[in-house]
Amino acid sequence: MSLQPHQLKFIEYCVQHRILCFGEFTLKSGRVSPYFFNAGLFNTGEALAFIGSCYATAIKNSGLNFDMLFGPAYKGIPLVSVTAAALATEQNMNKPYCFNRKEAKDHGEGGITVGAPLQGRVLIVDDVITAGTAIREVMAIMRKVFASPVGIMVALDRQERGTGDLSAIQEIEKEFRIPVLSLITMTQIIDYLKMQQDEHLKEFLHPIREYRQRYGV
């Protein structure tokens, strides 16, 4: 089984709080998925602290070298904030962080980013990568200030093809030559379902395997 303790804890929390649901869900792509992950439901202090702690553990375990964290607006803003706090308090890694505005500010301190100066080796923190649009916007911002992206941290890798043979995450990794780290993958969701004694949860193992076989990378 490929599940680490912090990953199992993360999946169990997401299932318990219905952040990860099983059933039939029509995606924007038109595909009918047997599961749905809604990171927008990390919407309480407890939930936000929990995912920040999970991100911090995964980042520490990755061994990735970076100078600062960056959160793409909007969902990346609270995520990068709690991740930076958890890295400092739980992993003894006190790193600066910043995030971008959707529109540049022309008064006060001005600029398109808020927080520490965007510089050095940067780890991007976001919820998921669906089409990669937000990530490409971030890369454009970094090029302007000569910052160097070294990786991306997300909650879930669906391991699912886009319009071509690659997933959105694989396209980002290929285009920018950086790793995308994830707390969990579709494969690990399958591993979780294999472990279940709960008959209701076990019944979703077959459809999610079929979905993986049909659309997986």
N, C-alpha and C. Protein backbone atom coordinates (compact mmCIF):
# COMPACT_ATOMS: atom_id res chain seq x y z
N MET A 1 0.85 -1.20 0.00
CA MET A 1 0.00 0.00 0.00
C MET A 1 0.88 1.24 0.00
N SER A 2 0.50 2.26 -0.77
CA SER A 2 1.35 3.44 -0.94
C SER A 2 0.97 4.59 0.00
N LEU A 3 0.06 4.34 0.93
CA LEU A 3 -0.40 5.42 1.81
C LEU A 3 0.53 5.62 3.00
N GLN A 4 1.00 6.85 3.17
CA GLN A 4 1.75 7.23 4.36
C GLN A 4 0.77 7.62 5.47
N PRO A 5 1.19 7.58 6.74
CA PRO A 5 0.27 7.91 7.83
C PRO A 5 -0.41 9.28 7.69
N HIS A 6 0.35 10.30 7.27
CA HIS A 6 -0.26 11.63 7.14
C HIS A 6 -1.24 11.69 5.97
N GLN A 7 -1.01 10.83 4.97
CA GLN A 7 -1.94 10.79 3.83
C GLN A 7 -3.24 10.08 4.21
N LEU A 8 -3.13 8.99 4.96
CA LEU A 8 -4.33 8.30 5.43
C LEU A 8 -5.15 9.22 6.33
N LYS A 9 -4.47 9.93 7.21
CA LYS A 9 -5.15 10.88 8.10
C LYS A 9 -5.87 11.96 7.29
N PHE A 10 -5.22 12.42 6.21
CA PHE A 10 -5.81 13.46 5.37
C PHE A 10 -7.06 12.93 4.67
N ILE A 11 -6.99 11.73 4.09
CA ILE A 11 -8.15 11.18 3.39
C ILE A 11 -9.30 10.95 4.36
N GLU A 12 -9.00 10.41 5.51
CA GLU A 12 -10.05 10.14 6.51
C GLU A 12 -10.74 11.44 6.93
N TYR A 13 -9.97 12.49 7.13
CA TYR A 13 -10.55 13.78 7.49
C TYR A 13 -11.44 14.30 6.37
N CYS A 14 -10.96 14.19 5.13
CA CYS A 14 -11.72 14.69 3.98
C CYS A 14 -13.02 13.92 3.78
N VAL A 15 -12.99 12.61 3.98
CA VAL A 15 -14.21 11.81 3.86
C VAL A 15 -15.19 12.16 4.98
N GLN A 16 -14.67 12.27 6.19
CA GLN A 16 -15.52 12.59 7.35
C GLN A 16 -16.22 13.94 7.19
N HIS A 17 -15.53 14.91 6.61
CA HIS A 17 -16.08 16.26 6.45
C HIS A 17 -16.66 16.50 5.06
N ARG A 18 -16.79 15.43 4.29
CA ARG A 18 -17.40 15.47 2.95
C ARG A 18 -16.67 16.43 2.00
N ILE A 19 -15.39 16.60 2.24
CA ILE A 19 -14.53 17.32 1.30
C ILE A 19 -14.22 16.39 0.13
N LEU A 20 -14.08 15.11 0.44
CA LEU A 20 -13.95 14.05 -0.56
C LEU A 20 -15.21 13.20 -0.51
N CYS A 21 -15.96 13.22 -1.61
CA CYS A 21 -17.24 12.50 -1.68
C CYS A 21 -17.20 11.46 -2.79
N PHE A 22 -17.96 10.41 -2.62
CA PHE A 22 -18.08 9.37 -3.63
C PHE A 22 -19.51 9.30 -4.12
N GLY A 23 -19.68 9.03 -5.43
CA GLY A 23 -21.02 8.99 -6.04
C GLY A 23 -20.89 9.18 -7.54
N GLU A 24 -21.73 10.05 -8.10
CA GLU A 24 -21.63 10.41 -9.51
C GLU A 24 -21.62 11.92 -9.63
N PHE A 25 -20.56 12.46 -10.20
CA PHE A 25 -20.39 13.91 -10.28
C PHE A 25 -19.98 14.28 -11.71
N THR A 26 -20.75 15.16 -12.34
CA THR A 26 -20.41 15.61 -13.69
C THR A 26 -19.41 16.77 -13.60
N LEU A 27 -18.24 16.58 -14.18
CA LEU A 27 -17.18 17.58 -14.14
C LEU A 27 -17.35 18.58 -15.28
N LYS A 28 -16.58 19.66 -15.22
CA LYS A 28 -16.62 20.67 -16.29
C LYS A 28 -16.27 20.05 -17.64
N SER A 29 -15.44 19.04 -17.62
CA SER A 29 -15.03 18.36 -18.85
C SER A 29 -16.16 17.54 -19.46
N GLY A 30 -17.23 17.33 -18.69
CA GLY A 30 -18.33 16.49 -19.15
C GLY A 30 -18.20 15.05 -18.68
N ARG A 31 -17.04 14.69 -18.15
CA ARG A 31 -16.86 13.34 -17.62
C ARG A 31 -17.68 13.15 -16.34
N VAL A 32 -18.19 11.94 -16.13
CA VAL A 32 -18.91 11.62 -14.91
C VAL A 32 -17.93 10.90 -13.97
N SER A 33 -17.54 11.58 -12.92
CA SER A 33 -16.53 11.06 -12.01
C SER A 33 -17.18 10.36 -10.82
N PRO A 34 -16.58 9.25 -10.35
CA PRO A 34 -17.13 8.56 -9.18
C PRO A 34 -16.71 9.20 -7.85
N TYR A 35 -15.92 10.27 -7.94
CA TYR A 35 -15.55 10.98 -6.70
C TYR A 35 -15.39 12.46 -6.99
N PHE A 36 -15.49 13.25 -5.94
CA PHE A 36 -15.36 14.70 -6.09
C PHE A 36 -14.62 15.25 -4.88
N PHE A 37 -13.63 16.10 -5.15
CA PHE A 37 -12.83 16.72 -4.09
C PHE A 37 -13.07 18.21 -4.11
N ASN A 38 -13.59 18.75 -3.01
CA ASN A 38 -13.93 20.17 -2.94
C ASN A 38 -13.07 20.85 -1.87
N ALA A 39 -11.92 21.38 -2.29
CA ALA A 39 -11.00 22.01 -1.35
C ALA A 39 -11.58 23.29 -0.77
N GLY A 40 -12.63 23.84 -1.39
CA GLY A 40 -13.28 25.03 -0.84
C GLY A 40 -13.93 24.78 0.51
N LEU A 41 -14.12 23.50 0.87
CA LEU A 41 -14.74 23.15 2.15
C LEU A 41 -13.75 23.13 3.31
N PHE A 42 -12.49 23.45 3.04
CA PHE A 42 -11.56 23.72 4.15
C PHE A 42 -11.86 25.15 4.61
N ASN A 43 -13.04 25.33 5.17
CA ASN A 43 -13.56 26.68 5.39
C ASN A 43 -13.81 27.00 6.86
N THR A 44 -13.18 26.24 7.76
CA THR A 44 -13.22 26.58 9.18
C THR A 44 -11.79 26.71 9.68
N GLY A 45 -11.63 27.30 10.85
CA GLY A 45 -10.29 27.42 11.42
C GLY A 45 -9.64 26.07 11.60
N GLU A 46 -10.41 25.10 12.10
CA GLU A 46 -9.88 23.75 12.31
C GLU A 46 -9.43 23.12 11.00
N ALA A 47 -10.28 23.20 9.98
CA ALA A 47 -9.97 22.58 8.69
C ALA A 47 -8.76 23.22 8.04
N LEU A 48 -8.67 24.55 8.14
CA LEU A 48 -7.55 25.26 7.54
C LEU A 48 -6.25 24.92 8.25
N ALA A 49 -6.30 24.85 9.59
CA ALA A 49 -5.11 24.47 10.36
C ALA A 49 -4.69 23.04 10.01
N PHE A 50 -5.68 22.17 9.80
CA PHE A 50 -5.40 20.77 9.48
C PHE A 50 -4.67 20.64 8.15
N ILE A 51 -5.19 21.29 7.10
CA ILE A 51 -4.54 21.15 5.80
C ILE A 51 -3.17 21.84 5.80
N GLY A 52 -3.03 22.93 6.54
CA GLY A 52 -1.72 23.58 6.64
C GLY A 52 -0.69 22.64 7.26
N SER A 53 -1.11 21.91 8.30
CA SER A 53 -0.23 20.95 8.95
C SER A 53 0.14 19.81 8.00
N CYS A 54 -0.85 19.33 7.22
CA CYS A 54 -0.59 18.25 6.25
C CYS A 54 0.38 18.72 5.17
N TYR A 55 0.17 19.94 4.66
CA TYR A 55 1.08 20.49 3.66
C TYR A 55 2.50 20.60 4.22
N ALA A 56 2.60 21.10 5.44
CA ALA A 56 3.92 21.29 6.05
C ALA A 56 4.65 19.95 6.19
N THR A 57 3.94 18.91 6.60
CA THR A 57 4.54 17.58 6.74
C THR A 57 5.02 17.06 5.39
N ALA A 58 4.18 17.19 4.36
CA ALA A 58 4.54 16.72 3.02
C ALA A 58 5.74 17.48 2.47
N ILE A 59 5.77 18.79 2.69
CA ILE A 59 6.89 19.61 2.21
C ILE A 59 8.19 19.22 2.90
N LYS A 60 8.12 19.04 4.22
CA LYS A 60 9.30 18.62 4.97
C LYS A 60 9.79 17.26 4.49
N ASN A 61 8.87 16.32 4.27
CA ASN A 61 9.23 14.97 3.84
C ASN A 61 9.82 14.94 2.42
N SER A 62 9.44 15.93 1.61
CA SER A 62 9.90 15.95 0.21
C SER A 62 11.38 16.25 0.09
N GLY A 63 11.94 16.95 1.07
CA GLY A 63 13.35 17.33 1.02
C GLY A 63 13.65 18.43 0.02
N LEU A 64 12.61 19.05 -0.53
CA LEU A 64 12.79 20.09 -1.54
C LEU A 64 13.45 21.33 -0.93
N ASN A 65 14.44 21.89 -1.61
CA ASN A 65 15.11 23.10 -1.14
C ASN A 65 14.43 24.33 -1.73
N PHE A 66 14.01 25.25 -0.87
CA PHE A 66 13.35 26.47 -1.33
C PHE A 66 13.61 27.59 -0.33
N ASP A 67 13.46 28.82 -0.82
CA ASP A 67 13.71 30.00 0.02
C ASP A 67 12.43 30.61 0.56
N MET A 68 11.33 30.46 -0.19
CA MET A 68 10.08 31.09 0.24
C MET A 68 8.89 30.37 -0.38
N LEU A 69 7.69 30.72 0.11
CA LEU A 69 6.43 30.15 -0.38
C LEU A 69 5.63 31.22 -1.11
N PHE A 70 4.84 30.77 -2.09
CA PHE A 70 3.99 31.70 -2.84
C PHE A 70 2.61 31.08 -3.01
N GLY A 71 1.55 31.88 -2.77
CA GLY A 71 0.18 31.41 -2.94
C GLY A 71 -0.55 32.17 -4.03
N PRO A 72 -0.99 31.48 -5.09
CA PRO A 72 -1.75 32.15 -6.15
C PRO A 72 -3.13 32.58 -5.66
N ALA A 73 -3.51 33.82 -5.98
CA ALA A 73 -4.85 34.29 -5.62
C ALA A 73 -5.89 33.47 -6.40
N TYR A 74 -7.03 33.10 -5.79
CA TYR A 74 -7.40 33.46 -4.45
C TYR A 74 -7.22 32.31 -3.45
N LYS A 75 -7.50 31.08 -3.89
CA LYS A 75 -7.49 29.96 -2.95
C LYS A 75 -6.11 29.70 -2.35
N GLY A 76 -5.07 30.08 -3.08
CA GLY A 76 -3.72 29.86 -2.58
C GLY A 76 -3.34 30.79 -1.44
N ILE A 77 -4.10 31.88 -1.25
CA ILE A 77 -3.74 32.86 -0.22
C ILE A 77 -3.87 32.28 1.19
N PRO A 78 -5.04 31.75 1.61
CA PRO A 78 -5.09 31.15 2.95
C PRO A 78 -4.22 29.91 3.07
N LEU A 79 -4.08 29.15 1.98
CA LEU A 79 -3.29 27.93 2.04
C LEU A 79 -1.81 28.21 2.29
N VAL A 80 -1.27 29.21 1.58
CA VAL A 80 0.14 29.52 1.78
C VAL A 80 0.37 30.12 3.17
N SER A 81 -0.62 30.84 3.69
CA SER A 81 -0.49 31.44 5.02
C SER A 81 -0.42 30.37 6.11
N VAL A 82 -1.36 29.42 6.08
CA VAL A 82 -1.36 28.38 7.13
C VAL A 82 -0.21 27.40 6.95
N THR A 83 0.22 27.19 5.71
CA THR A 83 1.36 26.30 5.48
C THR A 83 2.64 26.91 6.03
N ALA A 84 2.84 28.21 5.79
CA ALA A 84 4.02 28.90 6.33
C ALA A 84 4.02 28.84 7.86
N ALA A 85 2.84 29.04 8.48
CA ALA A 85 2.73 28.99 9.94
C ALA A 85 3.03 27.59 10.46
N ALA A 86 2.48 26.56 9.78
CA ALA A 86 2.71 25.18 10.23
C ALA A 86 4.17 24.76 10.04
N LEU A 87 4.79 25.21 8.96
CA LEU A 87 6.22 24.90 8.75
C LEU A 87 7.05 25.46 9.90
N ALA A 88 6.71 26.68 10.33
CA ALA A 88 7.48 27.33 11.41
C ALA A 88 7.24 26.66 12.76
N THR A 89 5.98 26.38 13.08
CA THR A 89 5.65 25.88 14.42
C THR A 89 5.81 24.37 14.57
N GLU A 90 5.66 23.62 13.46
CA GLU A 90 5.69 22.15 13.56
C GLU A 90 6.94 21.52 12.96
N GLN A 91 7.56 22.21 11.98
CA GLN A 91 8.69 21.61 11.27
C GLN A 91 10.00 22.39 11.42
N ASN A 92 9.97 23.43 12.24
CA ASN A 92 11.18 24.24 12.46
C ASN A 92 11.75 24.79 11.15
N MET A 93 10.84 25.20 10.25
CA MET A 93 11.23 25.81 8.97
C MET A 93 10.52 27.15 8.86
N ASN A 94 11.21 28.20 9.23
CA ASN A 94 10.61 29.53 9.23
C ASN A 94 10.91 30.22 7.90
N LYS A 95 9.96 30.13 6.97
CA LYS A 95 10.17 30.66 5.62
C LYS A 95 9.25 31.85 5.36
N PRO A 96 9.74 32.86 4.62
CA PRO A 96 8.86 33.97 4.21
C PRO A 96 7.85 33.50 3.17
N TYR A 97 6.76 34.27 3.04
CA TYR A 97 5.77 33.92 2.01
C TYR A 97 5.15 35.18 1.45
N CYS A 98 4.56 35.05 0.27
CA CYS A 98 3.79 36.14 -0.32
C CYS A 98 2.71 35.57 -1.22
N PHE A 99 1.85 36.43 -1.69
CA PHE A 99 0.80 36.02 -2.63
C PHE A 99 0.54 37.18 -3.58
N ASN A 100 -0.17 36.90 -4.65
CA ASN A 100 -0.42 37.95 -5.64
C ASN A 100 -1.82 38.54 -5.51
N ARG A 101 -1.95 39.76 -6.01
CA ARG A 101 -3.27 40.37 -6.16
C ARG A 101 -3.76 40.05 -7.57
N LYS A 102 -5.07 40.03 -7.76
CA LYS A 102 -5.61 39.86 -9.11
C LYS A 102 -5.40 41.11 -9.95
N GLU A 103 -5.39 42.27 -9.27
CA GLU A 103 -5.14 43.54 -9.96
C GLU A 103 -4.06 44.30 -9.21
N ALA A 104 -3.11 44.86 -9.94
CA ALA A 104 -2.02 45.60 -9.33
C ALA A 104 -2.54 46.82 -8.58
N LYS A 105 -1.94 47.09 -7.41
CA LYS A 105 -2.33 48.24 -6.59
C LYS A 105 -1.46 49.44 -6.96
N ASP A 106 -2.10 50.58 -7.23
CA ASP A 106 -1.33 51.74 -7.67
C ASP A 106 -1.18 52.81 -6.58
N HIS A 107 -1.51 52.43 -5.32
CA HIS A 107 -1.32 53.37 -4.21
C HIS A 107 -0.76 52.60 -3.02
N GLY A 108 -0.43 53.31 -1.93
CA GLY A 108 0.19 52.65 -0.79
C GLY A 108 1.50 52.01 -1.19
N GLU A 109 1.68 50.75 -0.78
CA GLU A 109 2.93 50.07 -1.13
C GLU A 109 2.98 49.65 -2.59
N GLY A 110 1.81 49.63 -3.24
CA GLY A 110 1.76 49.32 -4.68
C GLY A 110 2.13 47.88 -4.98
N GLY A 111 2.22 47.59 -6.27
CA GLY A 111 2.68 46.27 -6.71
C GLY A 111 1.58 45.23 -6.85
N ILE A 112 1.97 44.08 -7.36
CA ILE A 112 1.01 43.00 -7.60
C ILE A 112 1.12 41.89 -6.56
N THR A 113 2.13 41.93 -5.68
CA THR A 113 2.26 40.91 -4.64
C THR A 113 2.18 41.55 -3.25
N VAL A 114 1.78 40.71 -2.29
CA VAL A 114 1.66 41.13 -0.89
C VAL A 114 2.48 40.18 -0.04
N GLY A 115 3.22 40.73 0.93
CA GLY A 115 4.03 39.89 1.81
C GLY A 115 5.50 40.11 1.58
N ALA A 116 6.27 39.06 1.77
CA ALA A 116 7.72 39.14 1.59
C ALA A 116 8.07 39.37 0.11
N PRO A 117 9.22 39.96 -0.17
CA PRO A 117 9.63 40.14 -1.58
C PRO A 117 9.72 38.79 -2.30
N LEU A 118 9.21 38.76 -3.51
CA LEU A 118 9.22 37.54 -4.31
C LEU A 118 10.61 37.38 -4.93
N GLN A 119 11.39 36.45 -4.40
CA GLN A 119 12.76 36.29 -4.85
C GLN A 119 13.30 34.91 -4.47
N GLY A 120 14.40 34.54 -5.10
CA GLY A 120 15.04 33.27 -4.78
C GLY A 120 14.28 32.07 -5.30
N ARG A 121 14.45 30.94 -4.61
CA ARG A 121 13.80 29.68 -4.99
C ARG A 121 12.42 29.61 -4.34
N VAL A 122 11.41 29.47 -5.17
CA VAL A 122 10.03 29.63 -4.69
C VAL A 122 9.25 28.32 -4.81
N LEU A 123 8.58 27.94 -3.72
CA LEU A 123 7.65 26.81 -3.72
C LEU A 123 6.23 27.37 -3.76
N ILE A 124 5.47 26.98 -4.77
CA ILE A 124 4.10 27.46 -4.96
C ILE A 124 3.14 26.54 -4.21
N VAL A 125 2.19 27.13 -3.48
CA VAL A 125 1.21 26.36 -2.70
C VAL A 125 -0.19 26.67 -3.21
N ASP A 126 -0.92 25.64 -3.65
CA ASP A 126 -2.28 25.84 -4.16
C ASP A 126 -3.14 24.64 -3.78
N ASP A 127 -4.44 24.65 -4.16
CA ASP A 127 -5.31 23.54 -3.77
C ASP A 127 -5.23 22.39 -4.77
N VAL A 128 -5.56 22.65 -6.02
CA VAL A 128 -5.48 21.64 -7.08
C VAL A 128 -5.01 22.32 -8.36
N ILE A 129 -4.60 21.52 -9.33
CA ILE A 129 -4.30 22.04 -10.67
C ILE A 129 -5.29 21.40 -11.62
N THR A 130 -6.20 22.21 -12.15
CA THR A 130 -7.22 21.69 -13.07
C THR A 130 -6.79 21.88 -14.51
N ALA A 131 -6.59 23.13 -14.91
CA ALA A 131 -6.12 23.41 -16.27
C ALA A 131 -4.72 24.02 -16.27
N GLY A 132 -4.25 24.48 -15.11
CA GLY A 132 -2.92 25.07 -15.03
C GLY A 132 -2.87 26.56 -15.31
N THR A 133 -4.06 27.19 -15.48
CA THR A 133 -4.11 28.61 -15.83
C THR A 133 -3.48 29.48 -14.74
N ALA A 134 -3.88 29.25 -13.48
CA ALA A 134 -3.36 30.06 -12.37
C ALA A 134 -1.85 29.89 -12.23
N ILE A 135 -1.36 28.67 -12.43
CA ILE A 135 0.07 28.41 -12.31
C ILE A 135 0.84 29.16 -13.39
N ARG A 136 0.31 29.18 -14.60
CA ARG A 136 1.00 29.89 -15.69
C ARG A 136 1.03 31.39 -15.43
N GLU A 137 -0.02 31.92 -14.80
CA GLU A 137 -0.04 33.34 -14.42
C GLU A 137 1.06 33.62 -13.39
N VAL A 138 1.22 32.71 -12.43
CA VAL A 138 2.26 32.85 -11.42
C VAL A 138 3.65 32.81 -12.05
N MET A 139 3.83 31.92 -12.99
CA MET A 139 5.14 31.81 -13.65
C MET A 139 5.50 33.11 -14.37
N ALA A 140 4.50 33.74 -14.96
CA ALA A 140 4.74 35.02 -15.64
C ALA A 140 5.16 36.10 -14.64
N ILE A 141 4.53 36.11 -13.47
CA ILE A 141 4.89 37.06 -12.41
C ILE A 141 6.33 36.84 -11.97
N MET A 142 6.70 35.58 -11.79
CA MET A 142 8.05 35.25 -11.32
C MET A 142 9.12 35.64 -12.34
N ARG A 143 8.81 35.43 -13.62
CA ARG A 143 9.80 35.79 -14.65
C ARG A 143 10.15 37.27 -14.59
N LYS A 144 9.15 38.10 -14.28
CA LYS A 144 9.37 39.55 -14.24
C LYS A 144 10.34 39.97 -13.15
N VAL A 145 10.39 39.21 -12.05
CA VAL A 145 11.27 39.59 -10.93
C VAL A 145 12.45 38.62 -10.80
N PHE A 146 12.61 37.73 -11.79
CA PHE A 146 13.72 36.78 -11.83
C PHE A 146 13.73 35.80 -10.64
N ALA A 147 12.55 35.52 -10.09
CA ALA A 147 12.43 34.47 -9.07
C ALA A 147 12.41 33.11 -9.77
N SER A 148 12.81 32.06 -9.05
CA SER A 148 12.93 30.73 -9.66
C SER A 148 11.97 29.73 -9.01
N PRO A 149 10.92 29.30 -9.72
CA PRO A 149 10.03 28.27 -9.16
C PRO A 149 10.77 26.94 -9.06
N VAL A 150 10.65 26.28 -7.91
CA VAL A 150 11.34 24.99 -7.73
C VAL A 150 10.35 23.84 -7.51
N GLY A 151 9.07 24.16 -7.34
CA GLY A 151 8.09 23.11 -7.13
C GLY A 151 6.72 23.69 -6.83
N ILE A 152 5.71 22.81 -6.86
CA ILE A 152 4.34 23.19 -6.56
C ILE A 152 3.77 22.17 -5.59
N MET A 153 3.05 22.64 -4.57
CA MET A 153 2.40 21.76 -3.59
C MET A 153 0.89 21.88 -3.73
N VAL A 154 0.21 20.75 -3.99
CA VAL A 154 -1.26 20.76 -4.09
C VAL A 154 -1.82 19.65 -3.21
N ALA A 155 -3.13 19.66 -3.04
CA ALA A 155 -3.78 18.65 -2.19
C ALA A 155 -3.97 17.34 -2.91
N LEU A 156 -4.44 17.39 -4.17
CA LEU A 156 -4.82 16.18 -4.89
C LEU A 156 -4.28 16.17 -6.31
N ASP A 157 -3.71 15.03 -6.69
CA ASP A 157 -3.35 14.76 -8.09
C ASP A 157 -4.36 13.73 -8.59
N ARG A 158 -5.26 14.17 -9.49
CA ARG A 158 -6.28 13.26 -10.00
C ARG A 158 -5.70 12.21 -10.95
N GLN A 159 -4.46 12.39 -11.39
CA GLN A 159 -3.81 11.45 -12.31
C GLN A 159 -4.72 11.14 -13.51
N GLU A 160 -5.28 12.20 -14.05
CA GLU A 160 -6.30 12.06 -15.09
C GLU A 160 -5.90 12.83 -16.33
N ARG A 161 -6.05 12.20 -17.50
CA ARG A 161 -5.70 12.87 -18.75
C ARG A 161 -6.55 14.11 -18.97
N GLY A 162 -5.94 15.11 -19.60
CA GLY A 162 -6.69 16.28 -20.04
C GLY A 162 -7.19 16.02 -21.45
N THR A 163 -6.99 16.99 -22.33
CA THR A 163 -7.42 16.81 -23.73
C THR A 163 -6.44 15.95 -24.51
N GLY A 164 -5.20 15.85 -24.01
CA GLY A 164 -4.19 15.02 -24.67
C GLY A 164 -3.88 13.79 -23.85
N ASP A 165 -2.64 13.31 -23.96
CA ASP A 165 -2.24 12.10 -23.25
C ASP A 165 -1.76 12.38 -21.83
N LEU A 166 -1.45 13.64 -21.55
CA LEU A 166 -0.90 13.99 -20.23
C LEU A 166 -1.98 14.60 -19.34
N SER A 167 -1.77 14.50 -18.03
CA SER A 167 -2.63 15.21 -17.08
C SER A 167 -2.19 16.67 -17.02
N ALA A 168 -3.02 17.51 -16.42
CA ALA A 168 -2.66 18.93 -16.26
C ALA A 168 -1.38 19.06 -15.45
N ILE A 169 -1.22 18.22 -14.43
CA ILE A 169 -0.01 18.26 -13.61
C ILE A 169 1.21 17.84 -14.42
N GLN A 170 1.08 16.79 -15.21
CA GLN A 170 2.20 16.36 -16.04
C GLN A 170 2.59 17.43 -17.06
N GLU A 171 1.59 18.13 -17.60
CA GLU A 171 1.87 19.21 -18.55
C GLU A 171 2.66 20.33 -17.88
N ILE A 172 2.28 20.68 -16.64
CA ILE A 172 3.00 21.71 -15.90
C ILE A 172 4.43 21.26 -15.61
N GLU A 173 4.59 20.01 -15.17
CA GLU A 173 5.93 19.49 -14.87
C GLU A 173 6.81 19.50 -16.12
N LYS A 174 6.24 19.13 -17.25
CA LYS A 174 7.01 19.09 -18.50
C LYS A 174 7.34 20.49 -18.99
N GLU A 175 6.37 21.40 -18.91
CA GLU A 175 6.56 22.76 -19.43
C GLU A 175 7.58 23.55 -18.62
N PHE A 176 7.51 23.43 -17.29
CA PHE A 176 8.36 24.26 -16.42
C PHE A 176 9.50 23.49 -15.76
N ARG A 177 9.52 22.18 -15.96
CA ARG A 177 10.61 21.33 -15.47
C ARG A 177 10.77 21.45 -13.95
N ILE A 178 9.65 21.39 -13.26
CA ILE A 178 9.66 21.38 -11.80
C ILE A 178 8.70 20.30 -11.31
N PRO A 179 8.92 19.77 -10.10
CA PRO A 179 8.02 18.74 -9.59
C PRO A 179 6.73 19.34 -9.03
N VAL A 180 5.64 18.59 -9.15
CA VAL A 180 4.39 18.94 -8.48
C VAL A 180 4.17 17.90 -7.39
N LEU A 181 4.20 18.34 -6.15
CA LEU A 181 3.97 17.47 -5.00
C LEU A 181 2.48 17.47 -4.69
N SER A 182 1.96 16.34 -4.23
CA SER A 182 0.56 16.30 -3.83
C SER A 182 0.41 15.52 -2.52
N LEU A 183 -0.56 15.93 -1.72
CA LEU A 183 -0.84 15.18 -0.49
C LEU A 183 -1.31 13.78 -0.82
N ILE A 184 -2.23 13.68 -1.77
CA ILE A 184 -2.77 12.38 -2.17
C ILE A 184 -2.95 12.34 -3.68
N THR A 185 -3.09 11.12 -4.20
CA THR A 185 -3.36 10.90 -5.61
C THR A 185 -4.60 10.01 -5.75
N MET A 186 -5.08 9.89 -6.98
CA MET A 186 -6.21 8.99 -7.22
C MET A 186 -5.84 7.56 -6.81
N THR A 187 -4.61 7.14 -7.08
CA THR A 187 -4.16 5.80 -6.71
C THR A 187 -4.28 5.58 -5.21
N GLN A 188 -3.96 6.60 -4.43
CA GLN A 188 -4.04 6.47 -2.97
C GLN A 188 -5.48 6.48 -2.47
N ILE A 189 -6.36 7.15 -3.20
CA ILE A 189 -7.79 7.07 -2.86
C ILE A 189 -8.27 5.63 -3.09
N ILE A 190 -7.81 5.01 -4.17
CA ILE A 190 -8.15 3.60 -4.42
C ILE A 190 -7.60 2.71 -3.31
N ASP A 191 -6.35 2.97 -2.88
CA ASP A 191 -5.76 2.20 -1.78
C ASP A 191 -6.60 2.33 -0.51
N TYR A 192 -7.08 3.54 -0.27
CA TYR A 192 -7.92 3.80 0.91
C TYR A 192 -9.20 2.96 0.84
N LEU A 193 -9.84 2.94 -0.33
CA LEU A 193 -11.09 2.19 -0.48
C LEU A 193 -10.85 0.68 -0.33
N LYS A 194 -9.69 0.20 -0.75
CA LYS A 194 -9.36 -1.22 -0.58
C LYS A 194 -9.33 -1.62 0.89
N MET A 195 -8.95 -0.68 1.76
CA MET A 195 -8.81 -0.96 3.18
C MET A 195 -10.14 -1.01 3.92
N GLN A 196 -11.18 -0.49 3.30
CA GLN A 196 -12.43 -0.24 4.02
C GLN A 196 -13.21 -1.52 4.35
N GLN A 197 -13.76 -1.53 5.56
CA GLN A 197 -14.71 -2.56 5.97
C GLN A 197 -16.15 -2.08 5.77
N ASP A 198 -16.28 -0.75 5.67
CA ASP A 198 -17.60 -0.14 5.46
C ASP A 198 -18.11 -0.51 4.06
N GLU A 199 -19.23 -1.25 4.02
CA GLU A 199 -19.76 -1.74 2.74
C GLU A 199 -20.16 -0.60 1.81
N HIS A 200 -20.66 0.51 2.39
CA HIS A 200 -21.06 1.65 1.55
C HIS A 200 -19.86 2.23 0.82
N LEU A 201 -18.74 2.38 1.51
CA LEU A 201 -17.54 2.91 0.87
C LEU A 201 -16.93 1.90 -0.11
N LYS A 202 -16.95 0.63 0.25
CA LYS A 202 -16.34 -0.40 -0.60
C LYS A 202 -17.01 -0.49 -1.97
N GLU A 203 -18.30 -0.12 -2.04
CA GLU A 203 -19.00 -0.24 -3.31
C GLU A 203 -18.50 0.76 -4.36
N PHE A 204 -17.73 1.76 -3.93
CA PHE A 204 -17.20 2.75 -4.89
C PHE A 204 -15.85 2.33 -5.46
N LEU A 205 -15.27 1.24 -4.94
CA LEU A 205 -13.96 0.80 -5.42
C LEU A 205 -14.00 0.42 -6.90
N HIS A 206 -15.00 -0.34 -7.31
CA HIS A 206 -15.09 -0.77 -8.71
C HIS A 206 -15.25 0.41 -9.67
N PRO A 207 -16.22 1.34 -9.45
CA PRO A 207 -16.35 2.45 -10.39
C PRO A 207 -15.13 3.37 -10.46
N ILE A 208 -14.44 3.55 -9.32
CA ILE A 208 -13.27 4.43 -9.36
C ILE A 208 -12.11 3.75 -10.08
N ARG A 209 -12.02 2.42 -9.97
CA ARG A 209 -11.01 1.69 -10.73
C ARG A 209 -11.29 1.77 -12.24
N GLU A 210 -12.56 1.64 -12.58
CA GLU A 210 -12.94 1.75 -14.00
C GLU A 210 -12.62 3.13 -14.54
N TYR A 211 -12.89 4.16 -13.75
CA TYR A 211 -12.62 5.54 -14.15
C TYR A 211 -11.12 5.73 -14.36
N ARG A 212 -10.35 5.19 -13.43
CA ARG A 212 -8.88 5.28 -13.53
C ARG A 212 -8.38 4.60 -14.79
N GLN A 213 -8.95 3.43 -15.10
CA GLN A 213 -8.55 2.70 -16.30
C GLN A 213 -8.91 3.47 -17.57
N ARG A 214 -10.03 4.16 -17.55
CA ARG A 214 -10.50 4.86 -18.73
C ARG A 214 -9.79 6.20 -18.97
N TYR A 215 -9.57 6.95 -17.88
CA TYR A 215 -9.05 8.31 -18.03
C TYR A 215 -7.67 8.53 -17.38
N GLY A 216 -7.17 7.53 -16.69
CA GLY A 216 -5.93 7.74 -15.92
C GLY A 216 -4.70 7.87 -16.78
N VAL A 217 -3.65 8.46 -16.18
CA VAL A 217 -2.35 8.57 -16.83
C VAL A 217 -1.37 7.64 -16.14
